PDB file of N, CA and C in Angstrom:
ATOM      1  N   MET A   1      11.253  -3.376   3.483  1.00  0.00           N
ATOM      2  CA  MET A   1      10.988  -3.950   2.238  1.00  0.00           C
ATOM      3  C   MET A   1      11.198  -2.862   1.153  1.00  0.00           C
ATOM      4  N   MET A   2      11.901  -3.199   0.172  1.00  0.00           N
ATOM      5  CA  MET A   2      12.111  -2.244  -0.930  1.00  0.00           C
ATOM      6  C   MET A   2      11.135  -2.567  -2.032  1.00  0.00           C
ATOM      7  N   TYR A   3      10.677  -1.609  -2.781  1.00  0.00           N
ATOM      8  CA  TYR A   3       9.719  -1.794  -3.839  1.00  0.00           C
ATOM      9  C   TYR A   3      10.410  -1.542  -5.149  1.00  0.00           C
ATOM     10  N   SER A   4      10.129  -2.333  -6.115  1.00  0.00           N
ATOM     11  CA  SER A   4      10.672  -2.104  -7.427  1.00  0.00           C
ATOM     12  C   SER A   4       9.605  -2.485  -8.476  1.00  0.00           C
ATOM     13  N   GLU A   5       9.526  -1.829  -9.558  1.00  0.00           N
ATOM     14  CA  GLU A   5       8.577  -2.153 -10.605  1.00  0.00           C
ATOM     15  C   GLU A   5       8.763  -3.569 -11.098  1.00  0.00           C
ATOM     16  N   ASP A   6       9.963  -4.138 -10.919  1.00  0.00           N
ATOM     17  CA  ASP A   6      10.270  -5.519 -11.370  1.00  0.00           C
ATOM     18  C   ASP A   6       9.833  -6.541 -10.388  1.00  0.00           C
ATOM     19  N   ASP A   7       9.444  -6.180  -9.151  1.00  0.00           N
ATOM     20  CA  ASP A   7       9.037  -7.152  -8.151  1.00  0.00           C
ATOM     21  C   ASP A   7       7.779  -7.890  -8.657  1.00  0.00           C
ATOM     22  N   GLU A   8       7.645  -9.121  -8.233  1.00  0.00           N
ATOM     23  CA  GLU A   8       6.522  -9.889  -8.720  1.00  0.00           C
ATOM     24  C   GLU A   8       5.296  -9.682  -7.880  1.00  0.00           C
ATOM     25  N   TYR A   9       4.616  -8.564  -8.063  1.00  0.00           N
ATOM     26  CA  TYR A   9       3.349  -8.262  -7.389  1.00  0.00           C
ATOM     27  C   TYR A   9       2.224  -8.794  -8.228  1.00  0.00           C
ATOM     28  N   THR A  10       1.149  -9.211  -7.620  1.00  0.00           N
ATOM     29  CA  THR A  10      -0.020  -9.720  -8.307  1.00  0.00           C
ATOM     30  C   THR A  10      -0.644  -8.636  -9.135  1.00  0.00           C
ATOM     31  N   VAL A  11      -0.640  -7.377  -8.551  1.00  0.00           N
ATOM     32  CA  VAL A  11      -1.218  -6.245  -9.226  1.00  0.00           C
ATOM     33  C   VAL A  11      -0.501  -4.974  -8.849  1.00  0.00           C
ATOM     34  N   HIS A  12      -0.372  -4.036  -9.790  1.00  0.00           N
ATOM     35  CA  HIS A  12       0.120  -2.661  -9.543  1.00  0.00           C
ATOM     36  C   HIS A  12      -0.986  -1.732  -9.925  1.00  0.00           C
ATOM     37  N   VAL A  13      -1.252  -0.765  -9.090  1.00  0.00           N
ATOM     38  CA  VAL A  13      -2.262   0.286  -9.432  1.00  0.00           C
ATOM     39  C   VAL A  13      -1.764   1.608  -9.007  1.00  0.00           C
ATOM     40  N   LYS A  14      -2.216   2.692  -9.677  1.00  0.00           N
ATOM     41  CA  LYS A  14      -1.983   4.031  -9.195  1.00  0.00           C
ATOM     42  C   LYS A  14      -3.190   4.486  -8.401  1.00  0.00           C
ATOM     43  N   ALA A  15      -2.913   4.936  -7.158  1.00  0.00           N
ATOM     44  CA  ALA A  15      -4.050   5.246  -6.256  1.00  0.00           C
ATOM     45  C   ALA A  15      -3.655   6.331  -5.288  1.00  0.00           C
ATOM     46  N   GLN A  16      -4.742   6.969  -4.791  1.00  0.00           N
ATOM     47  CA  GLN A  16      -4.582   7.938  -3.675  1.00  0.00           C
ATOM     48  C   GLN A  16      -4.708   7.121  -2.401  1.00  0.00           C
ATOM     49  N   VAL A  17      -3.634   7.023  -1.592  1.00  0.00           N
ATOM     50  CA  VAL A  17      -3.700   6.241  -0.366  1.00  0.00           C
ATOM     51  C   VAL A  17      -4.414   7.097   0.703  1.00  0.00           C
ATOM     52  N   MET A  18      -5.478   6.499   1.282  1.00  0.00           N
ATOM     53  CA  MET A  18      -6.307   7.189   2.270  1.00  0.00           C
ATOM     54  C   MET A  18      -6.237   6.494   3.584  1.00  0.00           C
ATOM     55  N   THR A  19      -6.585   7.241   4.633  1.00  0.00           N
ATOM     56  CA  THR A  19      -6.688   6.673   5.980  1.00  0.00           C
ATOM     57  C   THR A  19      -7.991   7.184   6.638  1.00  0.00           C
ATOM     58  N   ARG A  20      -8.513   6.415   7.528  1.00  0.00           N
ATOM     59  CA  ARG A  20      -9.765   6.784   8.216  1.00  0.00           C
ATOM     60  C   ARG A  20      -9.471   7.845   9.275  1.00  0.00           C
ATOM     61  N   ASP A  21     -10.235   8.918   9.275  1.00  0.00           N
ATOM     62  CA  ASP A  21     -10.153  10.006  10.288  1.00  0.00           C
ATOM     63  C   ASP A  21     -11.349   9.858  11.225  1.00  0.00           C
ATOM     64  N   ASP A  22     -11.121   9.291  12.429  1.00  0.00           N
ATOM     65  CA  ASP A  22     -12.255   9.030  13.355  1.00  0.00           C
ATOM     66  C   ASP A  22     -12.860  10.337  13.826  1.00  0.00           C
ATOM     67  N   SER A  23     -12.120  11.446  13.913  1.00  0.00           N
ATOM     68  CA  SER A  23     -12.629  12.690  14.406  1.00  0.00           C
ATOM     69  C   SER A  23     -13.677  13.300  13.504  1.00  0.00           C
ATOM     70  N   SER A  24     -13.504  13.127  12.155  1.00  0.00           N
ATOM     71  CA  SER A  24     -14.507  13.662  11.229  1.00  0.00           C
ATOM     72  C   SER A  24     -15.394  12.549  10.674  1.00  0.00           C
ATOM     73  N   GLY A  25     -15.007  11.320  10.936  1.00  0.00           N
ATOM     74  CA  GLY A  25     -15.862  10.207  10.419  1.00  0.00           C
ATOM     75  C   GLY A  25     -15.694   9.982   8.934  1.00  0.00           C
ATOM     76  N   GLY A  26     -14.627  10.439   8.367  1.00  0.00           N
ATOM     77  CA  GLY A  26     -14.422  10.269   6.895  1.00  0.00           C
ATOM     78  C   GLY A  26     -13.022   9.804   6.578  1.00  0.00           C
ATOM     79  N   TRP A  27     -12.706   9.857   5.316  1.00  0.00           N
ATOM     80  CA  TRP A  27     -11.396   9.438   4.793  1.00  0.00           C
ATOM     81  C   TRP A  27     -10.568  10.682   4.416  1.00  0.00           C
ATOM     82  N   VAL A  28      -9.249  10.642   4.701  1.00  0.00           N
ATOM     83  CA  VAL A  28      -8.359  11.731   4.368  1.00  0.00           C
ATOM     84  C   VAL A  28      -7.130  11.183   3.688  1.00  0.00           C
ATOM     85  N   PRO A  29      -6.442  11.933   2.828  1.00  0.00           N
ATOM     86  CA  PRO A  29      -5.248  11.468   2.205  1.00  0.00           C
ATOM     87  C   PRO A  29      -4.175  11.201   3.228  1.00  0.00           C
ATOM     88  N   LEU A  30      -3.457  10.098   3.134  1.00  0.00           N
ATOM     89  CA  LEU A  30      -2.370   9.741   4.026  1.00  0.00           C
ATOM     90  C   LEU A  30      -1.103  10.506   3.659  1.00  0.00           C
ATOM     91  N   GLY A  31      -0.483  11.071   4.710  1.00  0.00           N
ATOM     92  CA  GLY A  31       0.777  11.766   4.544  1.00  0.00           C
ATOM     93  C   GLY A  31       0.776  12.932   3.599  1.00  0.00           C
ATOM     94  N   GLY A  32      -0.284  13.655   3.551  1.00  0.00           N
ATOM     95  CA  GLY A  32      -0.330  14.868   2.691  1.00  0.00           C
ATOM     96  C   GLY A  32      -0.819  14.641   1.281  1.00  0.00           C
ATOM     97  N   GLY A  33      -1.137  13.381   0.969  1.00  0.00           N
ATOM     98  CA  GLY A  33      -1.710  13.097  -0.338  1.00  0.00           C
ATOM     99  C   GLY A  33      -0.673  12.875  -1.447  1.00  0.00           C
ATOM    100  N   GLY A  34      -1.180  12.760  -2.650  1.00  0.00           N
ATOM    101  CA  GLY A  34      -0.357  12.517  -3.817  1.00  0.00           C
ATOM    102  C   GLY A  34      -0.652  11.077  -4.317  1.00  0.00           C
ATOM    103  N   VAL A  35      -0.477  10.871  -5.577  1.00  0.00           N
ATOM    104  CA  VAL A  35      -0.712   9.557  -6.181  1.00  0.00           C
ATOM    105  C   VAL A  35       0.433   8.615  -5.912  1.00  0.00           C
ATOM    106  N   SER A  36       0.119   7.393  -5.559  1.00  0.00           N
ATOM    107  CA  SER A  36       1.103   6.337  -5.264  1.00  0.00           C
ATOM    108  C   SER A  36       0.969   5.197  -6.202  1.00  0.00           C
ATOM    109  N   VAL A  37       2.037   4.471  -6.454  1.00  0.00           N
ATOM    110  CA  VAL A  37       1.946   3.168  -7.110  1.00  0.00           C
ATOM    111  C   VAL A  37       1.871   2.158  -5.990  1.00  0.00           C
ATOM    112  N   VAL A  38       0.795   1.361  -5.975  1.00  0.00           N
ATOM    113  CA  VAL A  38       0.531   0.419  -4.932  1.00  0.00           C
ATOM    114  C   VAL A  38       0.567  -0.999  -5.496  1.00  0.00           C
ATOM    115  N   GLY A  39       1.316  -1.885  -4.826  1.00  0.00           N
ATOM    116  CA  GLY A  39       1.419  -3.254  -5.278  1.00  0.00           C
ATOM    117  C   GLY A  39       0.894  -4.209  -4.222  1.00  0.00           C
ATOM    118  N   VAL A  40       0.281  -5.315  -4.662  1.00  0.00           N
ATOM    119  CA  VAL A  40      -0.230  -6.338  -3.779  1.00  0.00           C
ATOM    120  C   VAL A  40       0.414  -7.655  -4.190  1.00  0.00           C
ATOM    121  N   ARG A  41       1.011  -8.350  -3.197  1.00  0.00           N
ATOM    122  CA  ARG A  41       1.693  -9.622  -3.470  1.00  0.00           C
ATOM    123  C   ARG A  41       1.259 -10.634  -2.433  1.00  0.00           C
ATOM    124  N   GLN A  42       0.993 -11.869  -2.854  1.00  0.00           N
ATOM    125  CA  GLN A  42       0.684 -12.943  -1.961  1.00  0.00           C
ATOM    126  C   GLN A  42       1.957 -13.547  -1.392  1.00  0.00           C
ATOM    127  N   ASP A  43       1.980 -13.742  -0.099  1.00  0.00           N
ATOM    128  CA  ASP A  43       3.116 -14.398   0.582  1.00  0.00           C
ATOM    129  C   ASP A  43       3.000 -15.877   0.399  1.00  0.00           C
ATOM    130  N   GLN A  44       4.033 -16.518  -0.189  1.00  0.00           N
ATOM    131  CA  GLN A  44       4.000 -17.950  -0.485  1.00  0.00           C
ATOM    132  C   GLN A  44       4.209 -18.821   0.751  1.00  0.00           C
ATOM    133  N   ALA A  45       4.760 -18.277   1.819  1.00  0.00           N
ATOM    134  CA  ALA A  45       5.065 -19.073   3.023  1.00  0.00           C
ATOM    135  C   ALA A  45       3.913 -19.155   3.992  1.00  0.00           C
ATOM    136  N   ARG A  46       2.966 -18.260   3.893  1.00  0.00           N
ATOM    137  CA  ARG A  46       1.818 -18.241   4.871  1.00  0.00           C
ATOM    138  C   ARG A  46       0.594 -17.619   4.199  1.00  0.00           C
ATOM    139  N   PRO A  47      -0.547 -17.758   4.780  1.00  0.00           N
ATOM    140  CA  PRO A  47      -1.736 -17.144   4.206  1.00  0.00           C
ATOM    141  C   PRO A  47      -1.804 -15.653   4.474  1.00  0.00           C
ATOM    142  N   ALA A  48      -1.017 -14.870   3.673  1.00  0.00           N
ATOM    143  CA  ALA A  48      -0.919 -13.436   3.923  1.00  0.00           C
ATOM    144  C   ALA A  48      -0.684 -12.707   2.576  1.00  0.00           C
ATOM    145  N   TYR A  49      -0.955 -11.432   2.574  1.00  0.00           N
ATOM    146  CA  TYR A  49      -0.658 -10.570   1.456  1.00  0.00           C
ATOM    147  C   TYR A  49       0.130  -9.361   1.970  1.00  0.00           C
ATOM    148  N   SER A  50       1.090  -8.921   1.156  1.00  0.00           N
ATOM    149  CA  SER A  50       1.804  -7.705   1.496  1.00  0.00           C
ATOM    150  C   SER A  50       1.294  -6.593   0.522  1.00  0.00           C
ATOM    151  N   ILE A  51       1.109  -5.420   1.062  1.00  0.00           N
ATOM    152  CA  ILE A  51       0.654  -4.274   0.316  1.00  0.00           C
ATOM    153  C   ILE A  51       1.674  -3.182   0.460  1.00  0.00           C
ATOM    154  N   TYR A  52       2.202  -2.627  -0.613  1.00  0.00           N
ATOM    155  CA  TYR A  52       3.253  -1.665  -0.570  1.00  0.00           C
ATOM    156  C   TYR A  52       2.960  -0.534  -1.502  1.00  0.00           C
ATOM    157  N   GLY A  53       3.063   0.724  -1.015  1.00  0.00           N
ATOM    158  CA  GLY A  53       2.814   1.906  -1.849  1.00  0.00           C
ATOM    159  C   GLY A  53       4.004   2.837  -1.820  1.00  0.00           C
ATOM    160  N   ARG A  54       4.340   3.416  -2.987  1.00  0.00           N
ATOM    161  CA  ARG A  54       5.397   4.398  -3.089  1.00  0.00           C
ATOM    162  C   ARG A  54       4.839   5.634  -3.840  1.00  0.00           C
ATOM    163  N   ARG A  55       4.919   6.766  -3.141  1.00  0.00           N
ATOM    164  CA  ARG A  55       4.396   8.037  -3.727  1.00  0.00           C
ATOM    165  C   ARG A  55       5.216   8.362  -4.987  1.00  0.00           C
ATOM    166  N   MET A  56       4.535   8.730  -6.048  1.00  0.00           N
ATOM    167  CA  MET A  56       5.175   8.938  -7.332  1.00  0.00           C
ATOM    168  C   MET A  56       6.047  10.250  -7.349  1.00  0.00           C
ATOM    169  N   THR A  57       5.629  11.254  -6.612  1.00  0.00           N
ATOM    170  CA  THR A  57       6.308  12.543  -6.687  1.00  0.00           C
ATOM    171  C   THR A  57       7.668  12.587  -6.025  1.00  0.00           C
ATOM    172  N   ASP A  58       7.793  11.908  -4.897  1.00  0.00           N
ATOM    173  CA  ASP A  58       9.043  11.959  -4.147  1.00  0.00           C
ATOM    174  C   ASP A  58       9.574  10.560  -3.749  1.00  0.00           C
ATOM    175  N   CYS A  59       8.912   9.506  -4.219  1.00  0.00           N
ATOM    176  CA  CYS A  59       9.337   8.106  -3.999  1.00  0.00           C
ATOM    177  C   CYS A  59       9.363   7.712  -2.509  1.00  0.00           C
ATOM    178  N   SER A  60       8.637   8.455  -1.686  1.00  0.00           N
ATOM    179  CA  SER A  60       8.539   8.090  -0.272  1.00  0.00           C
ATOM    180  C   SER A  60       7.543   6.952  -0.085  1.00  0.00           C
ATOM    181  N   VAL A  61       7.710   6.169   0.922  1.00  0.00           N
ATOM    182  CA  VAL A  61       6.767   5.062   1.232  1.00  0.00           C
ATOM    183  C   VAL A  61       5.462   5.611   1.749  1.00  0.00           C
ATOM    184  N   SER A  62       4.353   5.345   1.021  1.00  0.00           N
ATOM    185  CA  SER A  62       3.073   5.812   1.466  1.00  0.00           C
ATOM    186  C   SER A  62       2.269   4.790   2.213  1.00  0.00           C
ATOM    187  N   SER A  63       2.634   3.523   2.031  1.00  0.00           N
ATOM    188  CA  SER A  63       1.927   2.427   2.711  1.00  0.00           C
ATOM    189  C   SER A  63       2.785   1.180   2.633  1.00  0.00           C
ATOM    190  N   SER A  64       2.865   0.460   3.777  1.00  0.00           N
ATOM    191  CA  SER A  64       3.555  -0.805   3.809  1.00  0.00           C
ATOM    192  C   SER A  64       2.876  -1.646   4.857  1.00  0.00           C
ATOM    193  N   ARG A  65       2.147  -2.660   4.430  1.00  0.00           N
ATOM    194  CA  ARG A  65       1.308  -3.453   5.349  1.00  0.00           C
ATOM    195  C   ARG A  65       1.441  -4.912   5.007  1.00  0.00           C
ATOM    196  N   LEU A  66       1.282  -5.759   6.035  1.00  0.00           N
ATOM    197  CA  LEU A  66       1.155  -7.194   5.845  1.00  0.00           C
ATOM    198  C   LEU A  66      -0.176  -7.578   6.394  1.00  0.00           C
ATOM    199  N   VAL A  67      -1.029  -8.209   5.539  1.00  0.00           N
ATOM    200  CA  VAL A  67      -2.315  -8.643   5.995  1.00  0.00           C
ATOM    201  C   VAL A  67      -2.285 -10.135   6.093  1.00  0.00           C
ATOM    202  N   VAL A  68      -2.529 -10.665   7.333  1.00  0.00           N
ATOM    203  CA  VAL A  68      -2.467 -12.107   7.583  1.00  0.00           C
ATOM    204  C   VAL A  68      -3.879 -12.643   7.798  1.00  0.00           C
ATOM    205  N   PHE A  69      -4.161 -13.701   7.124  1.00  0.00           N
ATOM    206  CA  PHE A  69      -5.451 -14.377   7.229  1.00  0.00           C
ATOM    207  C   PHE A  69      -5.305 -15.575   8.141  1.00  0.00           C
ATOM    208  N   LEU A  70      -6.040 -15.607   9.246  1.00  0.00           N
ATOM    209  CA  LEU A  70      -5.943 -16.677  10.235  1.00  0.00           C
ATOM    210  C   LEU A  70      -6.961 -17.762   9.847  1.00  0.00           C
ATOM    211  N   THR A  71      -6.515 -18.991   9.847  1.00  0.00           N
ATOM    212  CA  THR A  71      -7.422 -20.076   9.465  1.00  0.00           C
ATOM    213  C   THR A  71      -7.693 -20.976  10.676  1.00  0.00           C
TER     214      THR A  71
END
């Protein structure tokens, strides 16, 4: 999936993308850190949301997830 500022995301935010580190029991920056633009969009075909993040400094993908809600 490609991300563009023009994509119809429900929300865009600037955020530090974090991941859970089970060895320390805390949260750590994903992929070395850096601020990302993160967008959330509802999937119209099914009960799901896509979450996509692009790091601002080098435009690398920092997060790309599909969250599906089962009914």
